[in-house]
Amino acid sequence: MSYNELLVAQIQQTAACNALHPTESRLARWLLQTGNRIDSDVLPLPRIPVANARGPTDDVTLVARQLEQAGVIQIVGAGSL
């Protein structure tokens, strides 16, 4: 497949996932993809840009706290979340 075909396929899959999957799944996917892109396990991301990219701020905050409680992520400087 050409680069453009792969890019279109990825965009279509992302759109479908955003419509079908809950906030937890979308945030987890976004965190994993971002970590892969910057080649780091530490993502220094402020609350508002993450929330704007993934959904309503309150939903993202709640999901991030749930992921932290489950031991999946660690929030450093939790006052910013």
N, C-alpha and C. Protein backbone atom coordinates (compact mmCIF):
# COMPACT_ATOMS: atom_id res chain seq x y z
N MET A 1 0.84 -1.18 0.00
CA MET A 1 0.00 0.00 0.00
C MET A 1 0.88 1.25 0.00
N SER A 2 0.38 2.27 -0.60
CA SER A 2 1.12 3.53 -0.60
C SER A 2 0.93 4.23 0.74
N TYR A 3 1.77 5.21 0.99
CA TYR A 3 1.69 5.99 2.23
C TYR A 3 0.31 6.63 2.36
N ASN A 4 -0.19 7.21 1.28
CA ASN A 4 -1.49 7.88 1.34
C ASN A 4 -2.62 6.90 1.66
N GLU A 5 -2.56 5.70 1.09
CA GLU A 5 -3.59 4.71 1.38
C GLU A 5 -3.55 4.29 2.85
N LEU A 6 -2.34 4.11 3.38
CA LEU A 6 -2.21 3.75 4.79
C LEU A 6 -2.69 4.87 5.70
N LEU A 7 -2.37 6.11 5.33
CA LEU A 7 -2.80 7.26 6.13
C LEU A 7 -4.33 7.36 6.14
N VAL A 8 -4.95 7.20 4.99
CA VAL A 8 -6.42 7.25 4.92
C VAL A 8 -7.02 6.12 5.75
N ALA A 9 -6.46 4.93 5.67
CA ALA A 9 -6.96 3.80 6.45
C ALA A 9 -6.85 4.08 7.95
N GLN A 10 -5.74 4.67 8.37
CA GLN A 10 -5.56 5.00 9.79
C GLN A 10 -6.56 6.07 10.23
N ILE A 11 -6.79 7.06 9.40
CA ILE A 11 -7.76 8.12 9.73
C ILE A 11 -9.16 7.52 9.84
N GLN A 12 -9.51 6.63 8.94
CA GLN A 12 -10.83 6.00 8.99
C GLN A 12 -10.99 5.16 10.24
N GLN A 13 -9.95 4.42 10.59
CA GLN A 13 -10.02 3.59 11.80
C GLN A 13 -10.14 4.46 13.04
N THR A 14 -9.38 5.55 13.10
CA THR A 14 -9.45 6.46 14.24
C THR A 14 -10.84 7.06 14.37
N ALA A 15 -11.43 7.47 13.26
CA ALA A 15 -12.78 8.04 13.29
C ALA A 15 -13.79 7.02 13.79
N ALA A 16 -13.68 5.79 13.32
CA ALA A 16 -14.59 4.74 13.77
C ALA A 16 -14.41 4.45 15.25
N CYS A 17 -13.17 4.37 15.70
CA CYS A 17 -12.90 4.11 17.12
C CYS A 17 -13.41 5.24 18.00
N ASN A 18 -13.22 6.48 17.56
CA ASN A 18 -13.70 7.62 18.33
C ASN A 18 -15.22 7.59 18.48
N ALA A 19 -15.90 7.06 17.48
CA ALA A 19 -17.36 6.99 17.53
C ALA A 19 -17.85 5.81 18.37
N LEU A 20 -17.09 4.73 18.42
CA LEU A 20 -17.58 3.50 19.04
C LEU A 20 -17.04 3.21 20.44
N HIS A 21 -15.80 3.64 20.71
CA HIS A 21 -15.16 3.25 21.96
C HIS A 21 -15.32 4.31 23.04
N PRO A 22 -15.32 3.87 24.30
CA PRO A 22 -15.48 4.82 25.41
C PRO A 22 -14.22 5.68 25.60
N THR A 23 -14.37 6.72 26.40
CA THR A 23 -13.27 7.66 26.67
C THR A 23 -12.03 6.93 27.17
N GLU A 24 -12.19 5.92 28.01
CA GLU A 24 -11.05 5.18 28.56
C GLU A 24 -10.17 4.61 27.45
N SER A 25 -10.80 3.97 26.49
CA SER A 25 -10.07 3.35 25.39
C SER A 25 -9.40 4.39 24.51
N ARG A 26 -10.12 5.47 24.22
CA ARG A 26 -9.57 6.52 23.35
C ARG A 26 -8.39 7.21 24.01
N LEU A 27 -8.50 7.50 25.33
CA LEU A 27 -7.39 8.16 26.03
C LEU A 27 -6.18 7.23 26.11
N ALA A 28 -6.41 5.96 26.41
CA ALA A 28 -5.30 5.01 26.49
C ALA A 28 -4.59 4.88 25.15
N ARG A 29 -5.35 4.80 24.07
CA ARG A 29 -4.75 4.72 22.73
C ARG A 29 -3.94 5.97 22.43
N TRP A 30 -4.51 7.12 22.76
CA TRP A 30 -3.83 8.39 22.49
C TRP A 30 -2.53 8.50 23.30
N LEU A 31 -2.56 8.10 24.56
CA LEU A 31 -1.34 8.14 25.39
C LEU A 31 -0.27 7.20 24.83
N LEU A 32 -0.67 6.00 24.42
CA LEU A 32 0.30 5.05 23.85
C LEU A 32 0.89 5.58 22.54
N GLN A 33 0.06 6.11 21.67
CA GLN A 33 0.56 6.64 20.40
C GLN A 33 1.49 7.83 20.63
N THR A 34 1.13 8.71 21.55
CA THR A 34 1.97 9.87 21.83
C THR A 34 3.31 9.43 22.40
N GLY A 35 3.29 8.47 23.32
CA GLY A 35 4.53 7.95 23.88
C GLY A 35 5.43 7.33 22.83
N ASN A 36 4.82 6.61 21.90
CA ASN A 36 5.60 6.01 20.81
C ASN A 36 6.21 7.08 19.91
N ARG A 37 5.44 8.11 19.63
CA ARG A 37 5.92 9.16 18.72
C ARG A 37 7.09 9.95 19.30
N ILE A 38 7.06 10.19 20.62
CA ILE A 38 8.16 10.95 21.22
C ILE A 38 9.21 10.03 21.83
N ASP A 39 9.00 8.72 21.73
CA ASP A 39 9.93 7.70 22.22
C ASP A 39 10.24 7.91 23.70
N SER A 40 9.18 8.03 24.50
CA SER A 40 9.35 8.26 25.93
C SER A 40 8.14 7.71 26.68
N ASP A 41 8.40 7.28 27.92
CA ASP A 41 7.31 6.86 28.80
C ASP A 41 6.78 8.03 29.61
N VAL A 42 7.46 9.17 29.53
CA VAL A 42 7.06 10.37 30.27
C VAL A 42 6.44 11.35 29.29
N LEU A 43 5.19 11.70 29.53
CA LEU A 43 4.49 12.62 28.65
C LEU A 43 4.14 13.89 29.44
N PRO A 44 4.92 14.93 29.27
CA PRO A 44 4.66 16.17 30.01
C PRO A 44 3.53 16.96 29.35
N LEU A 45 2.30 16.52 29.58
CA LEU A 45 1.16 17.12 28.89
C LEU A 45 0.24 17.83 29.88
N PRO A 46 -0.05 19.10 29.63
CA PRO A 46 -1.00 19.81 30.50
C PRO A 46 -2.42 19.31 30.28
N ARG A 47 -3.26 19.56 31.23
CA ARG A 47 -4.63 19.04 31.24
C ARG A 47 -5.46 19.51 30.04
N ILE A 48 -5.49 20.79 29.78
CA ILE A 48 -6.41 21.33 28.78
C ILE A 48 -6.14 20.80 27.37
N PRO A 49 -4.88 20.83 26.86
CA PRO A 49 -4.67 20.29 25.51
C PRO A 49 -5.03 18.81 25.39
N VAL A 50 -4.73 18.02 26.44
CA VAL A 50 -5.09 16.61 26.40
C VAL A 50 -6.60 16.47 26.36
N ALA A 51 -7.29 17.23 27.20
CA ALA A 51 -8.75 17.14 27.24
C ALA A 51 -9.37 17.57 25.92
N ASN A 52 -8.86 18.63 25.34
CA ASN A 52 -9.40 19.10 24.07
C ASN A 52 -9.20 18.07 22.97
N ALA A 53 -8.10 17.34 23.03
CA ALA A 53 -7.82 16.34 22.00
C ALA A 53 -8.65 15.08 22.19
N ARG A 54 -9.03 14.76 23.41
CA ARG A 54 -9.66 13.48 23.69
C ARG A 54 -11.13 13.55 24.06
N GLY A 55 -11.63 14.67 24.47
CA GLY A 55 -13.04 14.76 24.86
C GLY A 55 -13.23 15.83 25.90
N PRO A 56 -14.42 15.88 26.49
CA PRO A 56 -14.69 16.89 27.52
C PRO A 56 -13.70 16.79 28.68
N THR A 57 -13.30 17.94 29.21
CA THR A 57 -12.29 18.00 30.27
C THR A 57 -12.63 17.12 31.45
N ASP A 58 -13.88 17.17 31.92
CA ASP A 58 -14.26 16.37 33.09
C ASP A 58 -14.12 14.88 32.83
N ASP A 59 -14.49 14.43 31.64
CA ASP A 59 -14.36 13.01 31.29
C ASP A 59 -12.90 12.58 31.30
N VAL A 60 -12.04 13.39 30.69
CA VAL A 60 -10.62 13.04 30.61
C VAL A 60 -10.00 13.02 32.00
N THR A 61 -10.35 13.98 32.85
CA THR A 61 -9.84 14.02 34.22
C THR A 61 -10.25 12.77 34.97
N LEU A 62 -11.51 12.41 34.89
CA LEU A 62 -12.02 11.23 35.57
C LEU A 62 -11.32 9.97 35.08
N VAL A 63 -11.19 9.82 33.79
CA VAL A 63 -10.55 8.63 33.21
C VAL A 63 -9.08 8.57 33.60
N ALA A 64 -8.38 9.70 33.56
CA ALA A 64 -6.97 9.73 33.94
C ALA A 64 -6.81 9.30 35.39
N ARG A 65 -7.69 9.76 36.26
CA ARG A 65 -7.62 9.35 37.67
C ARG A 65 -7.90 7.86 37.83
N GLN A 66 -8.83 7.34 37.04
CA GLN A 66 -9.12 5.90 37.09
C GLN A 66 -7.93 5.08 36.61
N LEU A 67 -7.28 5.55 35.55
CA LEU A 67 -6.08 4.85 35.05
C LEU A 67 -4.96 4.89 36.08
N GLU A 68 -4.83 6.01 36.77
CA GLU A 68 -3.81 6.11 37.82
C GLU A 68 -4.12 5.17 38.97
N GLN A 69 -5.37 5.13 39.41
CA GLN A 69 -5.77 4.23 40.50
C GLN A 69 -5.55 2.77 40.13
N ALA A 70 -5.69 2.46 38.85
CA ALA A 70 -5.47 1.08 38.38
C ALA A 70 -3.99 0.77 38.22
N GLY A 71 -3.14 1.78 38.39
CA GLY A 71 -1.71 1.58 38.27
C GLY A 71 -1.19 1.59 36.84
N VAL A 72 -2.00 2.06 35.91
CA VAL A 72 -1.64 2.07 34.49
C VAL A 72 -0.76 3.28 34.16
N ILE A 73 -1.08 4.43 34.76
CA ILE A 73 -0.30 5.64 34.53
C ILE A 73 0.04 6.26 35.88
N GLN A 74 0.99 7.16 35.88
CA GLN A 74 1.32 7.93 37.07
C GLN A 74 1.21 9.40 36.72
N ILE A 75 0.41 10.11 37.49
CA ILE A 75 0.24 11.55 37.27
C ILE A 75 1.19 12.27 38.20
N VAL A 76 2.10 13.03 37.62
CA VAL A 76 3.04 13.81 38.40
C VAL A 76 2.51 15.22 38.47
N GLY A 77 2.51 15.79 39.66
CA GLY A 77 1.95 17.13 39.80
C GLY A 77 0.45 17.07 39.62
N ALA A 78 -0.20 16.22 40.39
CA ALA A 78 -1.64 15.98 40.21
C ALA A 78 -2.48 17.23 40.38
N GLY A 79 -1.92 18.29 40.94
CA GLY A 79 -2.66 19.53 41.06
C GLY A 79 -3.01 20.12 39.70
N SER A 80 -2.24 19.74 38.67
CA SER A 80 -2.51 20.27 37.34
C SER A 80 -3.59 19.47 36.61
N LEU A 81 -4.02 18.36 37.21
CA LEU A 81 -5.05 17.55 36.56
C LEU A 81 -6.35 17.75 37.19
